[in-house]
Amino acid sequence: MSWMAWILLGLVSGTLARMALPGRGERGLISTTLIGIAGSYVGTWIVSHWMHGSVKVSFLDLTTWVSAIGGAVVLLFAYGVLYRIVRR
């Protein structure tokens, strides 16, 4: 996948993850995209290495999208927890 596809996948998966985990976090478009890109990478890596799934890392592959959104949800949750800890 090209770097533009990873950015678009990150933007969409980060936005969908943020919709799944709403909150008062001060995250803008850039941080949502970065969390989505990192979540895409982590999610596809976990599925392909730990779950022995077949991730083609193709932009239109359903497994890529599900693992990207799942990874973004996990990272967004971790970000929210760390944000609350640091903010205290």
PDB file of N, CA and C in Angstrom:
ATOM      1  N   MET A   1       0.843  -1.173   0.000  1.00  0.00           N
ATOM      2  CA  MET A   1       0.000   0.000   0.000  1.00  0.00           C
ATOM      3  C   MET A   1       0.890   1.238   0.000  1.00  0.00           C
ATOM      4  N   SER A   2       0.471   2.261  -0.666  1.00  0.00           N
ATOM      5  CA  SER A   2       1.245   3.492  -0.723  1.00  0.00           C
ATOM      6  C   SER A   2       1.067   4.293   0.569  1.00  0.00           C
ATOM      7  N   TRP A   3       1.890   5.269   0.755  1.00  0.00           N
ATOM      8  CA  TRP A   3       1.808   6.070   1.971  1.00  0.00           C
ATOM      9  C   TRP A   3       0.534   6.907   1.990  1.00  0.00           C
ATOM     10  N   MET A   4       0.023   7.281   0.839  1.00  0.00           N
ATOM     11  CA  MET A   4      -1.250   8.013   0.786  1.00  0.00           C
ATOM     12  C   MET A   4      -2.411   7.128   1.228  1.00  0.00           C
ATOM     13  N   ALA A   5      -2.357   5.850   0.856  1.00  0.00           N
ATOM     14  CA  ALA A   5      -3.397   4.919   1.273  1.00  0.00           C
ATOM     15  C   ALA A   5      -3.343   4.708   2.785  1.00  0.00           C
ATOM     16  N   TRP A   6      -2.121   4.619   3.354  1.00  0.00           N
ATOM     17  CA  TRP A   6      -1.997   4.475   4.806  1.00  0.00           C
ATOM     18  C   TRP A   6      -2.550   5.701   5.530  1.00  0.00           C
ATOM     19  N   ILE A   7      -2.309   6.894   4.987  1.00  0.00           N
ATOM     20  CA  ILE A   7      -2.832   8.111   5.615  1.00  0.00           C
ATOM     21  C   ILE A   7      -4.357   8.129   5.545  1.00  0.00           C
ATOM     22  N   LEU A   8      -4.924   7.785   4.406  1.00  0.00           N
ATOM     23  CA  LEU A   8      -6.378   7.753   4.267  1.00  0.00           C
ATOM     24  C   LEU A   8      -6.984   6.676   5.166  1.00  0.00           C
ATOM     25  N   LEU A   9      -6.352   5.504   5.197  1.00  0.00           N
ATOM     26  CA  LEU A   9      -6.820   4.430   6.080  1.00  0.00           C
ATOM     27  C   LEU A   9      -6.738   4.871   7.534  1.00  0.00           C
ATOM     28  N   GLY A  10      -5.657   5.549   7.900  1.00  0.00           N
ATOM     29  CA  GLY A  10      -5.507   6.053   9.265  1.00  0.00           C
ATOM     30  C   GLY A  10      -6.535   7.102   9.618  1.00  0.00           C
ATOM     31  N   LEU A  11      -6.808   8.005   8.688  1.00  0.00           N
ATOM     32  CA  LEU A  11      -7.807   9.048   8.928  1.00  0.00           C
ATOM     33  C   LEU A  11      -9.185   8.445   9.146  1.00  0.00           C
ATOM     34  N   VAL A  12      -9.572   7.534   8.274  1.00  0.00           N
ATOM     35  CA  VAL A  12     -10.898   6.919   8.381  1.00  0.00           C
ATOM     36  C   VAL A  12     -10.989   6.034   9.611  1.00  0.00           C
ATOM     37  N   SER A  13      -9.986   5.190   9.850  1.00  0.00           N
ATOM     38  CA  SER A  13     -10.049   4.292  11.003  1.00  0.00           C
ATOM     39  C   SER A  13      -9.956   5.071  12.309  1.00  0.00           C
ATOM     40  N   GLY A  14      -9.149   6.130  12.348  1.00  0.00           N
ATOM     41  CA  GLY A  14      -9.080   6.966  13.543  1.00  0.00           C
ATOM     42  C   GLY A  14     -10.390   7.675  13.822  1.00  0.00           C
ATOM     43  N   THR A  15     -11.034   8.163  12.764  1.00  0.00           N
ATOM     44  CA  THR A  15     -12.328   8.829  12.929  1.00  0.00           C
ATOM     45  C   THR A  15     -13.403   7.850  13.396  1.00  0.00           C
ATOM     46  N   LEU A  16     -13.426   6.656  12.807  1.00  0.00           N
ATOM     47  CA  LEU A  16     -14.404   5.657  13.237  1.00  0.00           C
ATOM     48  C   LEU A  16     -14.133   5.194  14.669  1.00  0.00           C
ATOM     49  N   ALA A  17     -12.863   5.076  15.034  1.00  0.00           N
ATOM     50  CA  ALA A  17     -12.530   4.701  16.410  1.00  0.00           C
ATOM     51  C   ALA A  17     -12.958   5.790  17.380  1.00  0.00           C
ATOM     52  N   ARG A  18     -12.768   7.025  16.978  1.00  0.00           N
ATOM     53  CA  ARG A  18     -13.190   8.130  17.840  1.00  0.00           C
ATOM     54  C   ARG A  18     -14.710   8.166  17.989  1.00  0.00           C
ATOM     55  N   MET A  19     -15.428   7.816  16.937  1.00  0.00           N
ATOM     56  CA  MET A  19     -16.883   7.747  17.030  1.00  0.00           C
ATOM     57  C   MET A  19     -17.307   6.596  17.938  1.00  0.00           C
ATOM     58  N   ALA A  20     -16.535   5.505  17.953  1.00  0.00           N
ATOM     59  CA  ALA A  20     -16.851   4.361  18.809  1.00  0.00           C
ATOM     60  C   ALA A  20     -16.543   4.659  20.266  1.00  0.00           C
ATOM     61  N   LEU A  21     -15.546   5.511  20.532  1.00  0.00           N
ATOM     62  CA  LEU A  21     -15.153   5.877  21.889  1.00  0.00           C
ATOM     63  C   LEU A  21     -15.242   7.386  22.060  1.00  0.00           C
ATOM     64  N   PRO A  22     -16.450   7.918  22.158  1.00  0.00           N
ATOM     65  CA  PRO A  22     -16.554   9.369  22.297  1.00  0.00           C
ATOM     66  C   PRO A  22     -16.066   9.800  23.675  1.00  0.00           C
ATOM     67  N   GLY A  23     -15.637  10.997  23.755  1.00  0.00           N
ATOM     68  CA  GLY A  23     -15.161  11.532  25.023  1.00  0.00           C
ATOM     69  C   GLY A  23     -14.815  12.996  24.867  1.00  0.00           C
ATOM     70  N   ARG A  24     -14.300  13.553  25.957  1.00  0.00           N
ATOM     71  CA  ARG A  24     -13.966  14.967  25.937  1.00  0.00           C
ATOM     72  C   ARG A  24     -12.504  15.200  25.595  1.00  0.00           C
ATOM     73  N   GLY A  25     -11.849  14.214  25.060  1.00  0.00           N
ATOM     74  CA  GLY A  25     -10.437  14.345  24.733  1.00  0.00           C
ATOM     75  C   GLY A  25     -10.181  15.476  23.764  1.00  0.00           C
ATOM     76  N   GLU A  26      -9.038  16.113  23.922  1.00  0.00           N
ATOM     77  CA  GLU A  26      -8.681  17.237  23.069  1.00  0.00           C
ATOM     78  C   GLU A  26      -7.866  16.738  21.889  1.00  0.00           C
ATOM     79  N   ARG A  27      -8.493  15.946  21.051  1.00  0.00           N
ATOM     80  CA  ARG A  27      -7.815  15.393  19.875  1.00  0.00           C
ATOM     81  C   ARG A  27      -8.348  16.073  18.630  1.00  0.00           C
ATOM     82  N   GLY A  28      -7.430  16.519  17.823  1.00  0.00           N
ATOM     83  CA  GLY A  28      -7.803  17.152  16.568  1.00  0.00           C
ATOM     84  C   GLY A  28      -7.641  16.173  15.414  1.00  0.00           C
ATOM     85  N   LEU A  29      -7.699  16.707  14.225  1.00  0.00           N
ATOM     86  CA  LEU A  29      -7.608  15.891  13.018  1.00  0.00           C
ATOM     87  C   LEU A  29      -6.241  15.230  12.891  1.00  0.00           C
ATOM     88  N   ILE A  30      -5.186  15.957  13.205  1.00  0.00           N
ATOM     89  CA  ILE A  30      -3.837  15.402  13.054  1.00  0.00           C
ATOM     90  C   ILE A  30      -3.599  14.274  14.047  1.00  0.00           C
ATOM     91  N   SER A  31      -3.949  14.480  15.318  1.00  0.00           N
ATOM     92  CA  SER A  31      -3.722  13.410  16.301  1.00  0.00           C
ATOM     93  C   SER A  31      -4.634  12.214  16.037  1.00  0.00           C
ATOM     94  N   THR A  32      -5.849  12.458  15.584  1.00  0.00           N
ATOM     95  CA  THR A  32      -6.743  11.352  15.233  1.00  0.00           C
ATOM     96  C   THR A  32      -6.171  10.556  14.074  1.00  0.00           C
ATOM     97  N   THR A  33      -5.625  11.252  13.077  1.00  0.00           N
ATOM     98  CA  THR A  33      -5.016  10.572  11.931  1.00  0.00           C
ATOM     99  C   THR A  33      -3.789   9.782  12.357  1.00  0.00           C
ATOM    100  N   LEU A  34      -2.938  10.374  13.184  1.00  0.00           N
ATOM    101  CA  LEU A  34      -1.739   9.663  13.649  1.00  0.00           C
ATOM    102  C   LEU A  34      -2.085   8.434  14.485  1.00  0.00           C
ATOM    103  N   ILE A  35      -3.072   8.551  15.352  1.00  0.00           N
ATOM    104  CA  ILE A  35      -3.521   7.399  16.127  1.00  0.00           C
ATOM    105  C   ILE A  35      -4.116   6.351  15.192  1.00  0.00           C
ATOM    106  N   GLY A  36      -4.844   6.784  14.189  1.00  0.00           N
ATOM    107  CA  GLY A  36      -5.410   5.851  13.210  1.00  0.00           C
ATOM    108  C   GLY A  36      -4.347   5.140  12.395  1.00  0.00           C
ATOM    109  N   ILE A  37      -3.304   5.862  11.973  1.00  0.00           N
ATOM    110  CA  ILE A  37      -2.218   5.234  11.216  1.00  0.00           C
ATOM    111  C   ILE A  37      -1.482   4.228  12.084  1.00  0.00           C
ATOM    112  N   ALA A  38      -1.152   4.631  13.312  1.00  0.00           N
ATOM    113  CA  ALA A  38      -0.476   3.705  14.226  1.00  0.00           C
ATOM    114  C   ALA A  38      -1.371   2.511  14.544  1.00  0.00           C
ATOM    115  N   GLY A  39      -2.662   2.756  14.730  1.00  0.00           N
ATOM    116  CA  GLY A  39      -3.596   1.667  14.984  1.00  0.00           C
ATOM    117  C   GLY A  39      -3.735   0.735  13.798  1.00  0.00           C
ATOM    118  N   SER A  40      -3.693   1.298  12.609  1.00  0.00           N
ATOM    119  CA  SER A  40      -3.736   0.472  11.401  1.00  0.00           C
ATOM    120  C   SER A  40      -2.541  -0.460  11.344  1.00  0.00           C
ATOM    121  N   TYR A  41      -1.387   0.098  11.604  1.00  0.00           N
ATOM    122  CA  TYR A  41      -0.166  -0.707  11.575  1.00  0.00           C
ATOM    123  C   TYR A  41      -0.188  -1.773  12.667  1.00  0.00           C
ATOM    124  N   VAL A  42      -0.518  -1.376  13.896  1.00  0.00           N
ATOM    125  CA  VAL A  42      -0.533  -2.324  15.016  1.00  0.00           C
ATOM    126  C   VAL A  42      -1.599  -3.391  14.803  1.00  0.00           C
ATOM    127  N   GLY A  43      -2.779  -2.986  14.372  1.00  0.00           N
ATOM    128  CA  GLY A  43      -3.861  -3.942  14.163  1.00  0.00           C
ATOM    129  C   GLY A  43      -3.564  -4.970  13.094  1.00  0.00           C
ATOM    130  N   THR A  44      -3.019  -4.511  11.968  1.00  0.00           N
ATOM    131  CA  THR A  44      -2.687  -5.472  10.914  1.00  0.00           C
ATOM    132  C   THR A  44      -1.516  -6.354  11.301  1.00  0.00           C
ATOM    133  N   TRP A  45      -0.574  -5.814  12.076  1.00  0.00           N
ATOM    134  CA  TRP A  45       0.557  -6.622  12.546  1.00  0.00           C
ATOM    135  C   TRP A  45       0.085  -7.705  13.516  1.00  0.00           C
ATOM    136  N   ILE A  46      -0.811  -7.353  14.439  1.00  0.00           N
ATOM    137  CA  ILE A  46      -1.327  -8.327  15.398  1.00  0.00           C
ATOM    138  C   ILE A  46      -2.090  -9.435  14.683  1.00  0.00           C
ATOM    139  N   VAL A  47      -2.940  -9.068  13.757  1.00  0.00           N
ATOM    140  CA  VAL A  47      -3.719 -10.077  13.039  1.00  0.00           C
ATOM    141  C   VAL A  47      -2.818 -10.998  12.231  1.00  0.00           C
ATOM    142  N   SER A  48      -1.824 -10.441  11.578  1.00  0.00           N
ATOM    143  CA  SER A  48      -0.983 -11.276  10.713  1.00  0.00           C
ATOM    144  C   SER A  48       0.031 -12.110  11.485  1.00  0.00           C
ATOM    145  N   HIS A  49       0.510 -11.645  12.634  1.00  0.00           N
ATOM    146  CA  HIS A  49       1.537 -12.378  13.362  1.00  0.00           C
ATOM    147  C   HIS A  49       0.999 -13.211  14.518  1.00  0.00           C
ATOM    148  N   TRP A  50       0.110 -12.662  15.291  1.00  0.00           N
ATOM    149  CA  TRP A  50      -0.357 -13.384  16.476  1.00  0.00           C
ATOM    150  C   TRP A  50      -1.566 -14.249  16.208  1.00  0.00           C
ATOM    151  N   MET A  51      -2.432 -13.827  15.341  1.00  0.00           N
ATOM    152  CA  MET A  51      -3.652 -14.584  15.071  1.00  0.00           C
ATOM    153  C   MET A  51      -3.528 -15.424  13.813  1.00  0.00           C
ATOM    154  N   HIS A  52      -2.388 -15.367  13.190  1.00  0.00           N
ATOM    155  CA  HIS A  52      -2.109 -16.142  11.983  1.00  0.00           C
ATOM    156  C   HIS A  52      -3.170 -15.919  10.913  1.00  0.00           C
ATOM    157  N   GLY A  53      -3.680 -14.696  10.863  1.00  0.00           N
ATOM    158  CA  GLY A  53      -4.661 -14.350   9.844  1.00  0.00           C
ATOM    159  C   GLY A  53      -3.983 -13.892   8.581  1.00  0.00           C
ATOM    160  N   SER A  54      -4.735 -13.847   7.553  1.00  0.00           N
ATOM    161  CA  SER A  54      -4.209 -13.423   6.269  1.00  0.00           C
ATOM    162  C   SER A  54      -4.595 -11.968   6.031  1.00  0.00           C
ATOM    163  N   VAL A  55      -3.632 -11.086   6.190  1.00  0.00           N
ATOM    164  CA  VAL A  55      -3.861  -9.674   5.917  1.00  0.00           C
ATOM    165  C   VAL A  55      -3.056  -9.333   4.678  1.00  0.00           C
ATOM    166  N   LYS A  56      -3.749  -8.991   3.624  1.00  0.00           N
ATOM    167  CA  LYS A  56      -3.095  -8.692   2.350  1.00  0.00           C
ATOM    168  C   LYS A  56      -2.511  -7.279   2.321  1.00  0.00           C
ATOM    169  N   VAL A  57      -2.872  -6.476   3.289  1.00  0.00           N
ATOM    170  CA  VAL A  57      -2.494  -5.069   3.347  1.00  0.00           C
ATOM    171  C   VAL A  57      -2.852  -4.379   2.029  1.00  0.00           C
ATOM    172  N   SER A  58      -4.048  -4.654   1.613  1.00  0.00           N
ATOM    173  CA  SER A  58      -4.619  -4.011   0.445  1.00  0.00           C
ATOM    174  C   SER A  58      -5.661  -3.019   0.931  1.00  0.00           C
ATOM    175  N   PHE A  59      -5.775  -1.892   0.279  1.00  0.00           N
ATOM    176  CA  PHE A  59      -6.679  -0.844   0.735  1.00  0.00           C
ATOM    177  C   PHE A  59      -8.127  -1.300   0.751  1.00  0.00           C
ATOM    178  N   LEU A  60      -8.524  -2.145  -0.161  1.00  0.00           N
ATOM    179  CA  LEU A  60      -9.915  -2.570  -0.253  1.00  0.00           C
ATOM    180  C   LEU A  60     -10.191  -3.898   0.436  1.00  0.00           C
ATOM    181  N   ASP A  61      -9.236  -4.433   1.172  1.00  0.00           N
ATOM    182  CA  ASP A  61      -9.409  -5.703   1.865  1.00  0.00           C
ATOM    183  C   ASP A  61     -10.159  -5.476   3.179  1.00  0.00           C
ATOM    184  N   LEU A  62     -11.217  -6.233   3.423  1.00  0.00           N
ATOM    185  CA  LEU A  62     -12.028  -6.079   4.630  1.00  0.00           C
ATOM    186  C   LEU A  62     -11.221  -6.367   5.891  1.00  0.00           C
ATOM    187  N   THR A  63     -10.340  -7.357   5.863  1.00  0.00           N
ATOM    188  CA  THR A  63      -9.523  -7.683   7.027  1.00  0.00           C
ATOM    189  C   THR A  63      -8.620  -6.521   7.407  1.00  0.00           C
ATOM    190  N   THR A  64      -8.102  -5.831   6.427  1.00  0.00           N
ATOM    191  CA  THR A  64      -7.257  -4.662   6.695  1.00  0.00           C
ATOM    192  C   THR A  64      -8.053  -3.580   7.412  1.00  0.00           C
ATOM    193  N   TRP A  65      -9.266  -3.328   6.969  1.00  0.00           N
ATOM    194  CA  TRP A  65     -10.096  -2.295   7.586  1.00  0.00           C
ATOM    195  C   TRP A  65     -10.510  -2.664   9.000  1.00  0.00           C
ATOM    196  N   VAL A  66     -10.928  -3.922   9.201  1.00  0.00           N
ATOM    197  CA  VAL A  66     -11.363  -4.345  10.531  1.00  0.00           C
ATOM    198  C   VAL A  66     -10.197  -4.292  11.516  1.00  0.00           C
ATOM    199  N   SER A  67      -9.035  -4.794  11.097  1.00  0.00           N
ATOM    200  CA  SER A  67      -7.880  -4.768  11.989  1.00  0.00           C
ATOM    201  C   SER A  67      -7.390  -3.339  12.218  1.00  0.00           C
ATOM    202  N   ALA A  68      -7.481  -2.481  11.222  1.00  0.00           N
ATOM    203  CA  ALA A  68      -7.073  -1.083  11.387  1.00  0.00           C
ATOM    204  C   ALA A  68      -7.978  -0.356  12.361  1.00  0.00           C
ATOM    205  N   ILE A  69      -9.270  -0.548  12.238  1.00  0.00           N
ATOM    206  CA  ILE A  69     -10.214   0.113  13.149  1.00  0.00           C
ATOM    207  C   ILE A  69     -10.057  -0.455  14.554  1.00  0.00           C
ATOM    208  N   GLY A  70      -9.891  -1.768  14.664  1.00  0.00           N
ATOM    209  CA  GLY A  70      -9.675  -2.378  15.980  1.00  0.00           C
ATOM    210  C   GLY A  70      -8.409  -1.873  16.642  1.00  0.00           C
ATOM    211  N   GLY A  71      -7.335  -1.785  15.878  1.00  0.00           N
ATOM    212  CA  GLY A  71      -6.091  -1.257  16.426  1.00  0.00           C
ATOM    213  C   GLY A  71      -6.220   0.200  16.831  1.00  0.00           C
ATOM    214  N   ALA A  72      -6.944   0.984  16.049  1.00  0.00           N
ATOM    215  CA  ALA A  72      -7.149   2.392  16.377  1.00  0.00           C
ATOM    216  C   ALA A  72      -8.000   2.544  17.633  1.00  0.00           C
ATOM    217  N   VAL A  73      -8.985   1.690  17.827  1.00  0.00           N
ATOM    218  CA  VAL A  73      -9.806   1.739  19.043  1.00  0.00           C
ATOM    219  C   VAL A  73      -8.937   1.438  20.265  1.00  0.00           C
ATOM    220  N   VAL A  74      -8.083   0.426  20.160  1.00  0.00           N
ATOM    221  CA  VAL A  74      -7.204   0.075  21.278  1.00  0.00           C
ATOM    222  C   VAL A  74      -6.256   1.230  21.602  1.00  0.00           C
ATOM    223  N   LEU A  75      -5.627   1.803  20.586  1.00  0.00           N
ATOM    224  CA  LEU A  75      -4.700   2.911  20.826  1.00  0.00           C
ATOM    225  C   LEU A  75      -5.418   4.163  21.323  1.00  0.00           C
ATOM    226  N   LEU A  76      -6.611   4.413  20.830  1.00  0.00           N
ATOM    227  CA  LEU A  76      -7.380   5.558  21.287  1.00  0.00           C
ATOM    228  C   LEU A  76      -7.782   5.392  22.746  1.00  0.00           C
ATOM    229  N   PHE A  77      -8.141   4.183  23.136  1.00  0.00           N
ATOM    230  CA  PHE A  77      -8.473   3.906  24.535  1.00  0.00           C
ATOM    231  C   PHE A  77      -7.238   4.107  25.417  1.00  0.00           C
ATOM    232  N   ALA A  78      -6.085   3.572  24.984  1.00  0.00           N
ATOM    233  CA  ALA A  78      -4.848   3.732  25.747  1.00  0.00           C
ATOM    234  C   ALA A  78      -4.459   5.206  25.852  1.00  0.00           C
ATOM    235  N   TYR A  79      -4.641   5.942  24.761  1.00  0.00           N
ATOM    236  CA  TYR A  79      -4.360   7.374  24.769  1.00  0.00           C
ATOM    237  C   TYR A  79      -5.249   8.098  25.781  1.00  0.00           C
ATOM    238  N   GLY A  80      -6.514   7.743  25.825  1.00  0.00           N
ATOM    239  CA  GLY A  80      -7.435   8.359  26.778  1.00  0.00           C
ATOM    240  C   GLY A  80      -7.060   8.055  28.219  1.00  0.00           C
ATOM    241  N   VAL A  81      -6.651   6.822  28.488  1.00  0.00           N
ATOM    242  CA  VAL A  81      -6.241   6.449  29.841  1.00  0.00           C
ATOM    243  C   VAL A  81      -4.985   7.220  30.244  1.00  0.00           C
ATOM    244  N   LEU A  82      -3.991   7.248  29.363  1.00  0.00           N
ATOM    245  CA  LEU A  82      -2.760   7.978  29.664  1.00  0.00           C
ATOM    246  C   LEU A  82      -3.011   9.481  29.803  1.00  0.00           C
ATOM    247  N   TYR A  83      -3.895  10.003  28.997  1.00  0.00           N
ATOM    248  CA  TYR A  83      -4.222  11.426  29.082  1.00  0.00           C
ATOM    249  C   TYR A  83      -4.822  11.771  30.438  1.00  0.00           C
ATOM    250  N   ARG A  84      -5.724  10.901  30.933  1.00  0.00           N
ATOM    251  CA  ARG A  84      -6.325  11.148  32.251  1.00  0.00           C
ATOM    252  C   ARG A  84      -5.314  11.003  33.375  1.00  0.00           C
ATOM    253  N   ILE A  85      -4.381  10.080  33.257  1.00  0.00           N
ATOM    254  CA  ILE A  85      -3.366   9.889  34.292  1.00  0.00           C
ATOM    255  C   ILE A  85      -2.435  11.113  34.349  1.00  0.00           C
ATOM    256  N   VAL A  86      -1.982  11.557  33.195  1.00  0.00           N
ATOM    257  CA  VAL A  86      -1.070  12.696  33.153  1.00  0.00           C
ATOM    258  C   VAL A  86      -1.759  13.982  33.569  1.00  0.00           C
ATOM    259  N   ARG A  87      -2.998  14.110  33.274  1.00  0.00           N
ATOM    260  CA  ARG A  87      -3.743  15.327  33.564  1.00  0.00           C
ATOM    261  C   ARG A  87      -3.990  15.526  35.045  1.00  0.00           C
ATOM    262  N   ARG A  88      -3.927  14.479  35.849  1.00  0.00           N
ATOM    263  CA  ARG A  88      -4.198  14.610  37.302  1.00  0.00           C
ATOM    264  C   ARG A  88      -3.196  15.424  37.981  1.00  0.00           C
TER     265      ARG A  88
END
